[in-house]
Amino acid sequence: MHEATEAPKNSFYDYIVIGGGAAGIPIATTLSAKYSVLLLERGGSPYENTNITSAFGFVKNFADTSPDSPSQHFTSSDGVINTRARVLGGGTSINAGFYSRGEAQFIKEARLKKNPNMAIYN
């Protein structure tokens, strides 16, 4: 892992992968077996932040508003306050394995198309 300021001014890659999260890292790893790959991640290493590597630091990640925080607060265009990852590993590094699914009433009101394979519709 290198800081962007340490990279050569002129570099050429077969593939550039944006985002070092749950999808970006495996894609970059697979591609790098045959191609030259640049993986760009705006955050730093999770191993240098004890709030990420310790279960007790989970809440601190979301409370931290410093420029070095592994999470970044934002408000979406429709007004929803949220947090996104700013660390190698992406959301998988900061979300502690939480998974949420919209309630059936929300899906009904949003008029989402039904997928018979999804348990929420069964």
PDB file of N, CA and C in Angstrom:
ATOM      1  N   MET A   1       0.849  -1.163   0.000  1.00  0.00           N
ATOM      2  CA  MET A   1       0.000   0.000   0.000  1.00  0.00           C
ATOM      3  C   MET A   1       0.896   1.229   0.000  1.00  0.00           C
ATOM      4  N   HIS A   2       0.567   2.174  -0.880  1.00  0.00           N
ATOM      5  CA  HIS A   2       1.364   3.390  -1.015  1.00  0.00           C
ATOM      6  C   HIS A   2       0.445   4.598  -1.015  1.00  0.00           C
ATOM      7  N   GLU A   3       0.954   5.699  -0.515  1.00  0.00           N
ATOM      8  CA  GLU A   3       0.224   6.960  -0.602  1.00  0.00           C
ATOM      9  C   GLU A   3       0.260   7.430  -2.055  1.00  0.00           C
ATOM     10  N   ALA A   4      -0.791   8.094  -2.493  1.00  0.00           N
ATOM     11  CA  ALA A   4      -0.856   8.574  -3.877  1.00  0.00           C
ATOM     12  C   ALA A   4       0.283   9.541  -4.176  1.00  0.00           C
ATOM     13  N   THR A   5       0.734  10.274  -3.178  1.00  0.00           N
ATOM     14  CA  THR A   5       1.820  11.230  -3.391  1.00  0.00           C
ATOM     15  C   THR A   5       3.154  10.540  -3.651  1.00  0.00           C
ATOM     16  N   GLU A   6       3.238   9.246  -3.341  1.00  0.00           N
ATOM     17  CA  GLU A   6       4.473   8.493  -3.547  1.00  0.00           C
ATOM     18  C   GLU A   6       4.494   7.768  -4.892  1.00  0.00           C
ATOM     19  N   ALA A   7       3.417   7.820  -5.632  1.00  0.00           N
ATOM     20  CA  ALA A   7       3.319   7.104  -6.909  1.00  0.00           C
ATOM     21  C   ALA A   7       4.098   7.845  -7.995  1.00  0.00           C
ATOM     22  N   PRO A   8       4.597   7.120  -8.981  1.00  0.00           N
ATOM     23  CA  PRO A   8       5.274   7.773 -10.107  1.00  0.00           C
ATOM     24  C   PRO A   8       4.308   8.711 -10.830  1.00  0.00           C
ATOM     25  N   LYS A   9       4.844   9.792 -11.381  1.00  0.00           N
ATOM     26  CA  LYS A   9       3.983  10.758 -12.071  1.00  0.00           C
ATOM     27  C   LYS A   9       3.347  10.161 -13.318  1.00  0.00           C
ATOM     28  N   ASN A  10       4.052   9.271 -13.981  1.00  0.00           N
ATOM     29  CA  ASN A  10       3.525   8.612 -15.175  1.00  0.00           C
ATOM     30  C   ASN A  10       3.534   7.108 -14.954  1.00  0.00           C
ATOM     31  N   SER A  11       2.355   6.529 -14.938  1.00  0.00           N
ATOM     32  CA  SER A  11       2.226   5.082 -14.770  1.00  0.00           C
ATOM     33  C   SER A  11       1.154   4.580 -15.720  1.00  0.00           C
ATOM     34  N   PHE A  12       1.302   3.336 -16.134  1.00  0.00           N
ATOM     35  CA  PHE A  12       0.333   2.740 -17.041  1.00  0.00           C
ATOM     36  C   PHE A  12      -0.121   1.409 -16.468  1.00  0.00           C
ATOM     37  N   TYR A  13      -1.429   1.181 -16.517  1.00  0.00           N
ATOM     38  CA  TYR A  13      -2.014  -0.039 -15.968  1.00  0.00           C
ATOM     39  C   TYR A  13      -3.017  -0.600 -16.963  1.00  0.00           C
ATOM     40  N   ASP A  14      -3.169  -1.908 -16.925  1.00  0.00           N
ATOM     41  CA  ASP A  14      -4.194  -2.535 -17.755  1.00  0.00           C
ATOM     42  C   ASP A  14      -5.582  -2.246 -17.196  1.00  0.00           C
ATOM     43  N   TYR A  15      -5.680  -2.240 -15.871  1.00  0.00           N
ATOM     44  CA  TYR A  15      -6.964  -1.990 -15.210  1.00  0.00           C
ATOM     45  C   TYR A  15      -6.755  -1.071 -14.018  1.00  0.00           C
ATOM     46  N   ILE A  16      -7.721  -0.190 -13.807  1.00  0.00           N
ATOM     47  CA  ILE A  16      -7.756   0.640 -12.608  1.00  0.00           C
ATOM     48  C   ILE A  16      -9.062   0.323 -11.902  1.00  0.00           C
ATOM     49  N   VAL A  17      -8.969  -0.126 -10.671  1.00  0.00           N
ATOM     50  CA  VAL A  17     -10.143  -0.473  -9.874  1.00  0.00           C
ATOM     51  C   VAL A  17     -10.336   0.634  -8.845  1.00  0.00           C
ATOM     52  N   ILE A  18     -11.533   1.184  -8.807  1.00  0.00           N
ATOM     53  CA  ILE A  18     -11.842   2.256  -7.870  1.00  0.00           C
ATOM     54  C   ILE A  18     -12.594   1.667  -6.686  1.00  0.00           C
ATOM     55  N   GLY A  19     -12.020   1.774  -5.523  1.00  0.00           N
ATOM     56  CA  GLY A  19     -12.666   1.305  -4.301  1.00  0.00           C
ATOM     57  C   GLY A  19     -12.110  -0.011  -3.813  1.00  0.00           C
ATOM     58  N   GLY A  20     -11.564   0.015  -2.615  1.00  0.00           N
ATOM     59  CA  GLY A  20     -10.987  -1.187  -2.023  1.00  0.00           C
ATOM     60  C   GLY A  20     -11.911  -1.810  -1.012  1.00  0.00           C
ATOM     61  N   GLY A  21     -13.132  -2.087  -1.424  1.00  0.00           N
ATOM     62  CA  GLY A  21     -14.112  -2.711  -0.535  1.00  0.00           C
ATOM     63  C   GLY A  21     -14.303  -4.179  -0.850  1.00  0.00           C
ATOM     64  N   ALA A  22     -15.458  -4.679  -0.498  1.00  0.00           N
ATOM     65  CA  ALA A  22     -15.766  -6.106  -0.638  1.00  0.00           C
ATOM     66  C   ALA A  22     -15.773  -6.572  -2.090  1.00  0.00           C
ATOM     67  N   ALA A  23     -15.971  -5.677  -3.028  1.00  0.00           N
ATOM     68  CA  ALA A  23     -15.932  -6.051  -4.446  1.00  0.00           C
ATOM     69  C   ALA A  23     -14.609  -5.656  -5.088  1.00  0.00           C
ATOM     70  N   GLY A  24     -14.123  -4.468  -4.780  1.00  0.00           N
ATOM     71  CA  GLY A  24     -12.919  -3.958  -5.422  1.00  0.00           C
ATOM     72  C   GLY A  24     -11.670  -4.782  -5.169  1.00  0.00           C
ATOM     73  N   ILE A  25     -11.454  -5.178  -3.926  1.00  0.00           N
ATOM     74  CA  ILE A  25     -10.244  -5.936  -3.596  1.00  0.00           C
ATOM     75  C   ILE A  25     -10.212  -7.297  -4.297  1.00  0.00           C
ATOM     76  N   PRO A  26     -11.286  -8.098  -4.249  1.00  0.00           N
ATOM     77  CA  PRO A  26     -11.235  -9.385  -4.963  1.00  0.00           C
ATOM     78  C   PRO A  26     -11.079  -9.229  -6.480  1.00  0.00           C
ATOM     79  N   ILE A  27     -11.718  -8.220  -7.046  1.00  0.00           N
ATOM     80  CA  ILE A  27     -11.583  -8.001  -8.491  1.00  0.00           C
ATOM     81  C   ILE A  27     -10.147  -7.638  -8.831  1.00  0.00           C
ATOM     82  N   ALA A  28      -9.567  -6.716  -8.062  1.00  0.00           N
ATOM     83  CA  ALA A  28      -8.183  -6.312  -8.309  1.00  0.00           C
ATOM     84  C   ALA A  28      -7.227  -7.487  -8.127  1.00  0.00           C
ATOM     85  N   THR A  29      -7.474  -8.300  -7.121  1.00  0.00           N
ATOM     86  CA  THR A  29      -6.621  -9.468  -6.867  1.00  0.00           C
ATOM     87  C   THR A  29      -6.692 -10.455  -8.027  1.00  0.00           C
ATOM     88  N   THR A  30      -7.891 -10.736  -8.494  1.00  0.00           N
ATOM     89  CA  THR A  30      -8.069 -11.672  -9.607  1.00  0.00           C
ATOM     90  C   THR A  30      -7.408 -11.146 -10.878  1.00  0.00           C
ATOM     91  N   LEU A  31      -7.651  -9.877 -11.180  1.00  0.00           N
ATOM     92  CA  LEU A  31      -7.066  -9.292 -12.388  1.00  0.00           C
ATOM     93  C   LEU A  31      -5.542  -9.252 -12.322  1.00  0.00           C
ATOM     94  N   SER A  32      -4.997  -9.031 -11.131  1.00  0.00           N
ATOM     95  CA  SER A  32      -3.545  -8.872 -11.004  1.00  0.00           C
ATOM     96  C   SER A  32      -2.771 -10.156 -11.286  1.00  0.00           C
ATOM     97  N   ALA A  33      -3.465 -11.287 -11.372  1.00  0.00           N
ATOM     98  CA  ALA A  33      -2.789 -12.539 -11.727  1.00  0.00           C
ATOM     99  C   ALA A  33      -2.275 -12.503 -13.164  1.00  0.00           C
ATOM    100  N   LYS A  34      -2.944 -11.716 -14.029  1.00  0.00           N
ATOM    101  CA  LYS A  34      -2.554 -11.667 -15.443  1.00  0.00           C
ATOM    102  C   LYS A  34      -2.265 -10.256 -15.950  1.00  0.00           C
ATOM    103  N   TYR A  35      -2.720  -9.247 -15.225  1.00  0.00           N
ATOM    104  CA  TYR A  35      -2.625  -7.877 -15.715  1.00  0.00           C
ATOM    105  C   TYR A  35      -2.011  -6.971 -14.657  1.00  0.00           C
ATOM    106  N   SER A  36      -1.571  -5.802 -15.110  1.00  0.00           N
ATOM    107  CA  SER A  36      -1.124  -4.797 -14.141  1.00  0.00           C
ATOM    108  C   SER A  36      -2.364  -4.028 -13.682  1.00  0.00           C
ATOM    109  N   VAL A  37      -2.486  -3.877 -12.371  1.00  0.00           N
ATOM    110  CA  VAL A  37      -3.702  -3.311 -11.789  1.00  0.00           C
ATOM    111  C   VAL A  37      -3.344  -2.227 -10.779  1.00  0.00           C
ATOM    112  N   LEU A  38      -4.078  -1.139 -10.838  1.00  0.00           N
ATOM    113  CA  LEU A  38      -3.980  -0.093  -9.828  1.00  0.00           C
ATOM    114  C   LEU A  38      -5.291  -0.094  -9.062  1.00  0.00           C
ATOM    115  N   LEU A  39      -5.220  -0.275  -7.758  1.00  0.00           N
ATOM    116  CA  LEU A  39      -6.402  -0.227  -6.897  1.00  0.00           C
ATOM    117  C   LEU A  39      -6.367   1.094  -6.147  1.00  0.00           C
ATOM    118  N   LEU A  40      -7.387   1.919  -6.336  1.00  0.00           N
ATOM    119  CA  LEU A  40      -7.465   3.213  -5.665  1.00  0.00           C
ATOM    120  C   LEU A  40      -8.474   3.150  -4.526  1.00  0.00           C
ATOM    121  N   GLU A  41      -8.040   3.571  -3.363  1.00  0.00           N
ATOM    122  CA  GLU A  41      -8.910   3.638  -2.183  1.00  0.00           C
ATOM    123  C   GLU A  41      -8.621   4.952  -1.482  1.00  0.00           C
ATOM    124  N   ARG A  42      -9.644   5.726  -1.201  1.00  0.00           N
ATOM    125  CA  ARG A  42      -9.428   7.040  -0.597  1.00  0.00           C
ATOM    126  C   ARG A  42      -9.072   6.967   0.874  1.00  0.00           C
ATOM    127  N   GLY A  43      -9.291   5.832   1.495  1.00  0.00           N
ATOM    128  CA  GLY A  43      -8.972   5.688   2.910  1.00  0.00           C
ATOM    129  C   GLY A  43      -7.646   5.007   3.132  1.00  0.00           C
ATOM    130  N   GLY A  44      -7.309   4.874   4.386  1.00  0.00           N
ATOM    131  CA  GLY A  44      -6.045   4.253   4.753  1.00  0.00           C
ATOM    132  C   GLY A  44      -6.213   2.795   5.128  1.00  0.00           C
ATOM    133  N   SER A  45      -5.173   2.274   5.737  1.00  0.00           N
ATOM    134  CA  SER A  45      -5.168   0.878   6.167  1.00  0.00           C
ATOM    135  C   SER A  45      -6.009   0.704   7.426  1.00  0.00           C
ATOM    136  N   PRO A  46      -6.826  -0.327   7.492  1.00  0.00           N
ATOM    137  CA  PRO A  46      -7.629  -0.551   8.702  1.00  0.00           C
ATOM    138  C   PRO A  46      -6.776  -0.992   9.886  1.00  0.00           C
ATOM    139  N   TYR A  47      -5.596  -1.518   9.626  1.00  0.00           N
ATOM    140  CA  TYR A  47      -4.766  -2.066  10.694  1.00  0.00           C
ATOM    141  C   TYR A  47      -4.108  -0.988  11.540  1.00  0.00           C
ATOM    142  N   GLU A  48      -4.120   0.235  11.060  1.00  0.00           N
ATOM    143  CA  GLU A  48      -3.521   1.337  11.806  1.00  0.00           C
ATOM    144  C   GLU A  48      -4.541   2.035  12.698  1.00  0.00           C
ATOM    145  N   ASN A  49      -5.773   1.582  12.697  1.00  0.00           N
ATOM    146  CA  ASN A  49      -6.831   2.230  13.469  1.00  0.00           C
ATOM    147  C   ASN A  49      -7.436   1.220  14.436  1.00  0.00           C
ATOM    148  N   THR A  50      -7.195   1.412  15.725  1.00  0.00           N
ATOM    149  CA  THR A  50      -7.697   0.456  16.718  1.00  0.00           C
ATOM    150  C   THR A  50      -9.218   0.462  16.819  1.00  0.00           C
ATOM    151  N   ASN A  51      -9.873   1.519  16.362  1.00  0.00           N
ATOM    152  CA  ASN A  51     -11.339   1.530  16.377  1.00  0.00           C
ATOM    153  C   ASN A  51     -11.911   0.529  15.379  1.00  0.00           C
ATOM    154  N   ILE A  52     -11.145   0.175  14.367  1.00  0.00           N
ATOM    155  CA  ILE A  52     -11.604  -0.793  13.373  1.00  0.00           C
ATOM    156  C   ILE A  52     -11.275  -2.210  13.812  1.00  0.00           C
ATOM    157  N   THR A  53     -10.089  -2.390  14.332  1.00  0.00           N
ATOM    158  CA  THR A  53      -9.636  -3.741  14.664  1.00  0.00           C
ATOM    159  C   THR A  53     -10.141  -4.233  16.010  1.00  0.00           C
ATOM    160  N   SER A  54     -10.817  -3.388  16.760  1.00  0.00           N
ATOM    161  CA  SER A  54     -11.368  -3.781  18.055  1.00  0.00           C
ATOM    162  C   SER A  54     -12.886  -3.675  18.020  1.00  0.00           C
ATOM    163  N   ALA A  55     -13.564  -4.681  18.517  1.00  0.00           N
ATOM    164  CA  ALA A  55     -15.033  -4.644  18.563  1.00  0.00           C
ATOM    165  C   ALA A  55     -15.525  -3.497  19.437  1.00  0.00           C
ATOM    166  N   PHE A  56     -14.727  -3.112  20.409  1.00  0.00           N
ATOM    167  CA  PHE A  56     -15.131  -2.037  21.315  1.00  0.00           C
ATOM    168  C   PHE A  56     -15.053  -0.664  20.651  1.00  0.00           C
ATOM    169  N   GLY A  57     -14.359  -0.572  19.526  1.00  0.00           N
ATOM    170  CA  GLY A  57     -14.221   0.700  18.838  1.00  0.00           C
ATOM    171  C   GLY A  57     -15.273   0.942  17.780  1.00  0.00           C
ATOM    172  N   PHE A  58     -16.196   0.019  17.629  1.00  0.00           N
ATOM    173  CA  PHE A  58     -17.195   0.101  16.561  1.00  0.00           C
ATOM    174  C   PHE A  58     -17.935   1.437  16.549  1.00  0.00           C
ATOM    175  N   VAL A  59     -18.492   1.833  17.677  1.00  0.00           N
ATOM    176  CA  VAL A  59     -19.277   3.074  17.744  1.00  0.00           C
ATOM    177  C   VAL A  59     -18.383   4.286  17.516  1.00  0.00           C
ATOM    178  N   LYS A  60     -17.143   4.214  17.965  1.00  0.00           N
ATOM    179  CA  LYS A  60     -16.223   5.340  17.793  1.00  0.00           C
ATOM    180  C   LYS A  60     -15.994   5.659  16.318  1.00  0.00           C
ATOM    181  N   ASN A  61     -16.036   4.651  15.453  1.00  0.00           N
ATOM    182  CA  ASN A  61     -15.872   4.898  14.016  1.00  0.00           C
ATOM    183  C   ASN A  61     -16.912   5.874  13.503  1.00  0.00           C
ATOM    184  N   PHE A  62     -18.128   5.729  13.957  1.00  0.00           N
ATOM    185  CA  PHE A  62     -19.215   6.569  13.467  1.00  0.00           C
ATOM    186  C   PHE A  62     -19.248   7.926  14.149  1.00  0.00           C
ATOM    187  N   ALA A  63     -18.680   8.024  15.342  1.00  0.00           N
ATOM    188  CA  ALA A  63     -18.638   9.294  16.060  1.00  0.00           C
ATOM    189  C   ALA A  63     -17.457  10.151  15.608  1.00  0.00           C
ATOM    190  N   ASP A  64     -16.461   9.529  15.030  1.00  0.00           N
ATOM    191  CA  ASP A  64     -15.247  10.227  14.611  1.00  0.00           C
ATOM    192  C   ASP A  64     -15.515  11.031  13.346  1.00  0.00           C
ATOM    193  N   THR A  65     -15.365  12.346  13.429  1.00  0.00           N
ATOM    194  CA  THR A  65     -15.583  13.209  12.266  1.00  0.00           C
ATOM    195  C   THR A  65     -14.277  13.818  11.758  1.00  0.00           C
ATOM    196  N   SER A  66     -13.153  13.312  12.242  1.00  0.00           N
ATOM    197  CA  SER A  66     -11.856  13.845  11.825  1.00  0.00           C
ATOM    198  C   SER A  66     -11.556  13.452  10.377  1.00  0.00           C
ATOM    199  N   PRO A  67     -10.625  14.162   9.739  1.00  0.00           N
ATOM    200  CA  PRO A  67     -10.261  13.816   8.355  1.00  0.00           C
ATOM    201  C   PRO A  67      -9.661  12.415   8.214  1.00  0.00           C
ATOM    202  N   ASP A  68      -9.153  11.856   9.300  1.00  0.00           N
ATOM    203  CA  ASP A  68      -8.560  10.523   9.256  1.00  0.00           C
ATOM    204  C   ASP A  68      -9.541   9.425   9.643  1.00  0.00           C
ATOM    205  N   SER A  69     -10.787   9.784   9.865  1.00  0.00           N
ATOM    206  CA  SER A  69     -11.798   8.810  10.275  1.00  0.00           C
ATOM    207  C   SER A  69     -12.016   7.764   9.184  1.00  0.00           C
ATOM    208  N   PRO A  70     -12.243   6.502   9.569  1.00  0.00           N
ATOM    209  CA  PRO A  70     -12.532   5.473   8.573  1.00  0.00           C
ATOM    210  C   PRO A  70     -13.950   5.575   8.016  1.00  0.00           C
ATOM    211  N   SER A  71     -14.751   6.460   8.593  1.00  0.00           N
ATOM    212  CA  SER A  71     -16.113   6.648   8.087  1.00  0.00           C
ATOM    213  C   SER A  71     -16.323   8.120   7.759  1.00  0.00           C
ATOM    214  N   GLN A  72     -17.187   8.371   6.816  1.00  0.00           N
ATOM    215  CA  GLN A  72     -17.479   9.732   6.390  1.00  0.00           C
ATOM    216  C   GLN A  72     -18.986   9.928   6.407  1.00  0.00           C
ATOM    217  N   HIS A  73     -19.418  10.946   7.097  1.00  0.00           N
ATOM    218  CA  HIS A  73     -20.847  11.249   7.187  1.00  0.00           C
ATOM    219  C   HIS A  73     -21.269  12.057   5.963  1.00  0.00           C
ATOM    220  N   PHE A  74     -22.476  11.803   5.491  1.00  0.00           N
ATOM    221  CA  PHE A  74     -23.017  12.565   4.374  1.00  0.00           C
ATOM    222  C   PHE A  74     -24.535  12.503   4.413  1.00  0.00           C
ATOM    223  N   THR A  75     -25.152  13.425   3.712  1.00  0.00           N
ATOM    224  CA  THR A  75     -26.605  13.432   3.562  1.00  0.00           C
ATOM    225  C   THR A  75     -26.907  13.233   2.085  1.00  0.00           C
ATOM    226  N   SER A  76     -27.705  12.224   1.782  1.00  0.00           N
ATOM    227  CA  SER A  76     -28.021  11.923   0.383  1.00  0.00           C
ATOM    228  C   SER A  76     -28.911  13.009  -0.204  1.00  0.00           C
ATOM    229  N   SER A  77     -29.074  12.985  -1.502  1.00  0.00           N
ATOM    230  CA  SER A  77     -29.867  14.012  -2.182  1.00  0.00           C
ATOM    231  C   SER A  77     -31.325  14.013  -1.737  1.00  0.00           C
ATOM    232  N   ASP A  78     -31.797  12.879  -1.189  1.00  0.00           N
ATOM    233  CA  ASP A  78     -33.179  12.843  -0.701  1.00  0.00           C
ATOM    234  C   ASP A  78     -33.260  13.093   0.803  1.00  0.00           C
ATOM    235  N   GLY A  79     -32.151  13.559   1.403  1.00  0.00           N
ATOM    236  CA  GLY A  79     -32.172  13.988   2.795  1.00  0.00           C
ATOM    237  C   GLY A  79     -31.862  12.932   3.835  1.00  0.00           C
ATOM    238  N   VAL A  80     -31.426  11.756   3.433  1.00  0.00           N
ATOM    239  CA  VAL A  80     -31.133  10.689   4.389  1.00  0.00           C
ATOM    240  C   VAL A  80     -29.697  10.840   4.896  1.00  0.00           C
ATOM    241  N   ILE A  81     -29.553  10.928   6.215  1.00  0.00           N
ATOM    242  CA  ILE A  81     -28.230  11.013   6.829  1.00  0.00           C
ATOM    243  C   ILE A  81     -27.628   9.616   6.848  1.00  0.00           C
ATOM    244  N   ASN A  82     -26.373   9.505   6.414  1.00  0.00           N
ATOM    245  CA  ASN A  82     -25.760   8.190   6.283  1.00  0.00           C
ATOM    246  C   ASN A  82     -24.267   8.274   6.543  1.00  0.00           C
ATOM    247  N   THR A  83     -23.626   7.122   6.523  1.00  0.00           N
ATOM    248  CA  THR A  83     -22.176   7.029   6.694  1.00  0.00           C
ATOM    249  C   THR A  83     -21.632   6.082   5.642  1.00  0.00           C
ATOM    250  N   ARG A  84     -20.515   6.458   5.037  1.00  0.00           N
ATOM    251  CA  ARG A  84     -19.853   5.571   4.081  1.00  0.00           C
ATOM    252  C   ARG A  84     -18.407   5.363   4.522  1.00  0.00           C
ATOM    253  N   ALA A  85     -17.847   4.285   4.064  1.00  0.00           N
ATOM    254  CA  ALA A  85     -16.492   3.923   4.479  1.00  0.00           C
ATOM    255  C   ALA A  85     -15.443   4.762   3.766  1.00  0.00           C
ATOM    256  N   ARG A  86     -14.367   4.992   4.489  1.00  0.00           N
ATOM    257  CA  ARG A  86     -13.198   5.679   3.939  1.00  0.00           C
ATOM    258  C   ARG A  86     -11.960   4.937   4.462  1.00  0.00           C
ATOM    259  N   VAL A  87     -11.876   3.653   4.092  1.00  0.00           N
ATOM    260  CA  VAL A  87     -10.809   2.794   4.591  1.00  0.00           C
ATOM    261  C   VAL A  87     -10.672   1.587   3.663  1.00  0.00           C
ATOM    262  N   LEU A  88      -9.475   1.044   3.576  1.00  0.00           N
ATOM    263  CA  LEU A  88      -9.271  -0.162   2.793  1.00  0.00           C
ATOM    264  C   LEU A  88     -10.112  -1.279   3.403  1.00  0.00           C
ATOM    265  N   GLY A  89     -10.927  -1.899   2.599  1.00  0.00           N
ATOM    266  CA  GLY A  89     -11.882  -2.887   3.090  1.00  0.00           C
ATOM    267  C   GLY A  89     -13.301  -2.373   2.966  1.00  0.00           C
ATOM    268  N   GLY A  90     -13.441  -1.075   2.743  1.00  0.00           N
ATOM    269  CA  GLY A  90     -14.752  -0.469   2.540  1.00  0.00           C
ATOM    270  C   GLY A  90     -15.699  -0.665   3.702  1.00  0.00           C
ATOM    271  N   GLY A  91     -16.977  -0.743   3.385  1.00  0.00           N
ATOM    272  CA  GLY A  91     -18.010  -0.889   4.405  1.00  0.00           C
ATOM    273  C   GLY A  91     -17.857  -2.135   5.251  1.00  0.00           C
ATOM    274  N   THR A  92     -17.224  -3.158   4.704  1.00  0.00           N
ATOM    275  CA  THR A  92     -17.034  -4.379   5.484  1.00  0.00           C
ATOM    276  C   THR A  92     -16.104  -4.148   6.663  1.00  0.00           C
ATOM    277  N   SER A  93     -15.309  -3.095   6.607  1.00  0.00           N
ATOM    278  CA  SER A  93     -14.404  -2.788   7.716  1.00  0.00           C
ATOM    279  C   SER A  93     -15.097  -2.044   8.846  1.00  0.00           C
ATOM    280  N   ILE A  94     -16.168  -1.342   8.531  1.00  0.00           N
ATOM    281  CA  ILE A  94     -16.781  -0.508   9.573  1.00  0.00           C
ATOM    282  C   ILE A  94     -18.200  -0.906   9.957  1.00  0.00           C
ATOM    283  N   ASN A  95     -18.847  -1.801   9.230  1.00  0.00           N
ATOM    284  CA  ASN A  95     -20.261  -2.046   9.518  1.00  0.00           C
ATOM    285  C   ASN A  95     -20.521  -3.192  10.483  1.00  0.00           C
ATOM    286  N   ALA A  96     -19.500  -3.836  10.977  1.00  0.00           N
ATOM    287  CA  ALA A  96     -19.616  -4.895  11.992  1.00  0.00           C
ATOM    288  C   ALA A  96     -20.552  -6.026  11.582  1.00  0.00           C
ATOM    289  N   GLY A  97     -20.715  -6.232  10.301  1.00  0.00           N
ATOM    290  CA  GLY A  97     -21.521  -7.348   9.836  1.00  0.00           C
ATOM    291  C   GLY A  97     -23.020  -7.115   9.887  1.00  0.00           C
ATOM    292  N   PHE A  98     -23.443  -5.886  10.064  1.00  0.00           N
ATOM    293  CA  PHE A  98     -24.875  -5.612  10.088  1.00  0.00           C
ATOM    294  C   PHE A  98     -25.456  -5.750   8.693  1.00  0.00           C
ATOM    295  N   TYR A  99     -26.645  -6.265   8.639  1.00  0.00           N
ATOM    296  CA  TYR A  99     -27.365  -6.390   7.379  1.00  0.00           C
ATOM    297  C   TYR A  99     -28.795  -5.964   7.657  1.00  0.00           C
ATOM    298  N   SER A 100     -29.328  -5.141   6.808  1.00  0.00           N
ATOM    299  CA  SER A 100     -30.717  -4.739   7.019  1.00  0.00           C
ATOM    300  C   SER A 100     -31.487  -4.906   5.721  1.00  0.00           C
ATOM    301  N   ARG A 101     -32.769  -5.114   5.872  1.00  0.00           N
ATOM    302  CA  ARG A 101     -33.640  -5.305   4.724  1.00  0.00           C
ATOM    303  C   ARG A 101     -34.886  -4.464   4.974  1.00  0.00           C
ATOM    304  N   GLY A 102     -35.406  -3.878   3.924  1.00  0.00           N
ATOM    305  CA  GLY A 102     -36.614  -3.081   4.062  1.00  0.00           C
ATOM    306  C   GLY A 102     -37.789  -3.919   4.532  1.00  0.00           C
ATOM    307  N   GLU A 103     -38.627  -3.324   5.354  1.00  0.00           N
ATOM    308  CA  GLU A 103     -39.812  -4.035   5.833  1.00  0.00           C
ATOM    309  C   GLU A 103     -40.799  -4.219   4.685  1.00  0.00           C
ATOM    310  N   ALA A 104     -41.642  -5.218   4.809  1.00  0.00           N
ATOM    311  CA  ALA A 104     -42.615  -5.535   3.757  1.00  0.00           C
ATOM    312  C   ALA A 104     -43.492  -4.325   3.429  1.00  0.00           C
ATOM    313  N   GLN A 105     -43.889  -3.565   4.439  1.00  0.00           N
ATOM    314  CA  GLN A 105     -44.731  -2.388   4.216  1.00  0.00           C
ATOM    315  C   GLN A 105     -43.997  -1.351   3.361  1.00  0.00           C
ATOM    316  N   PHE A 106     -42.713  -1.156   3.629  1.00  0.00           N
ATOM    317  CA  PHE A 106     -41.926  -0.212   2.832  1.00  0.00           C
ATOM    318  C   PHE A 106     -41.867  -0.659   1.377  1.00  0.00           C
ATOM    319  N   ILE A 107     -41.611  -1.930   1.164  1.00  0.00           N
ATOM    320  CA  ILE A 107     -41.517  -2.459  -0.201  1.00  0.00           C
ATOM    321  C   ILE A 107     -42.849  -2.290  -0.924  1.00  0.00           C
ATOM    322  N   LYS A 108     -43.935  -2.513  -0.200  1.00  0.00           N
ATOM    323  CA  LYS A 108     -45.262  -2.343  -0.796  1.00  0.00           C
ATOM    324  C   LYS A 108     -45.486  -0.880  -1.179  1.00  0.00           C
ATOM    325  N   GLU A 109     -45.153   0.028  -0.267  1.00  0.00           N
ATOM    326  CA  GLU A 109     -45.352   1.452  -0.531  1.00  0.00           C
ATOM    327  C   GLU A 109     -44.429   1.961  -1.639  1.00  0.00           C
ATOM    328  N   ALA A 110     -43.229   1.398  -1.724  1.00  0.00           N
ATOM    329  CA  ALA A 110     -42.276   1.819  -2.750  1.00  0.00           C
ATOM    330  C   ALA A 110     -42.599   1.205  -4.106  1.00  0.00           C
ATOM    331  N   ARG A 111     -43.550   0.268  -4.109  1.00  0.00           N
ATOM    332  CA  ARG A 111     -43.976  -0.423  -5.329  1.00  0.00           C
ATOM    333  C   ARG A 111     -42.800  -1.121  -6.026  1.00  0.00           C
ATOM    334  N   LEU A 112     -41.964  -1.757  -5.218  1.00  0.00           N
ATOM    335  CA  LEU A 112     -40.843  -2.506  -5.775  1.00  0.00           C
ATOM    336  C   LEU A 112     -41.354  -3.784  -6.413  1.00  0.00           C
ATOM    337  N   LYS A 113     -40.694  -4.215  -7.462  1.00  0.00           N
ATOM    338  CA  LYS A 113     -41.099  -5.441  -8.146  1.00  0.00           C
ATOM    339  C   LYS A 113     -40.836  -6.636  -7.248  1.00  0.00           C
ATOM    340  N   LYS A 114     -41.761  -7.554  -7.247  1.00  0.00           N
ATOM    341  CA  LYS A 114     -41.623  -8.740  -6.412  1.00  0.00           C
ATOM    342  C   LYS A 114     -40.684  -9.750  -7.056  1.00  0.00           C
ATOM    343  N   ASN A 115     -39.860 -10.327  -6.221  1.00  0.00           N
ATOM    344  CA  ASN A 115     -38.958 -11.393  -6.641  1.00  0.00           C
ATOM    345  C   ASN A 115     -39.321 -12.607  -5.804  1.00  0.00           C
ATOM    346  N   PRO A 116     -39.885 -13.648  -6.396  1.00  0.00           N
ATOM    347  CA  PRO A 116     -40.336 -14.808  -5.618  1.00  0.00           C
ATOM    348  C   PRO A 116     -39.205 -15.526  -4.886  1.00  0.00           C
ATOM    349  N   ASN A 117     -37.958 -15.257  -5.268  1.00  0.00           N
ATOM    350  CA  ASN A 117     -36.826 -15.902  -4.605  1.00  0.00           C
ATOM    351  C   ASN A 117     -36.427 -15.206  -3.310  1.00  0.00           C
ATOM    352  N   MET A 118     -36.982 -14.028  -3.058  1.00  0.00           N
ATOM    353  CA  MET A 118     -36.625 -13.298  -1.842  1.00  0.00           C
ATOM    354  C   MET A 118     -37.580 -13.672  -0.718  1.00  0.00           C
ATOM    355  N   ALA A 119     -37.031 -14.010   0.419  1.00  0.00           N
ATOM    356  CA  ALA A 119     -37.833 -14.467   1.558  1.00  0.00           C
ATOM    357  C   ALA A 119     -38.828 -13.418   2.025  1.00  0.00           C
ATOM    358  N   ILE A 120     -38.531 -12.152   1.820  1.00  0.00           N
ATOM    359  CA  ILE A 120     -39.408 -11.096   2.325  1.00  0.00           C
ATOM    360  C   ILE A 120     -40.783 -11.141   1.659  1.00  0.00           C
ATOM    361  N   TYR A 121     -40.872 -11.718   0.480  1.00  0.00           N
ATOM    362  CA  TYR A 121     -42.149 -11.785  -0.220  1.00  0.00           C
ATOM    363  C   TYR A 121     -42.900 -13.073   0.071  1.00  0.00           C
ATOM    364  N   ASN A 122     -42.263 -14.004   0.736  1.00  0.00           N
ATOM    365  CA  ASN A 122     -42.893 -15.304   0.993  1.00  0.00           C
ATOM    366  C   ASN A 122     -43.678 -15.302   2.288  1.00  0.00           C
TER     367      ASN A 122
END
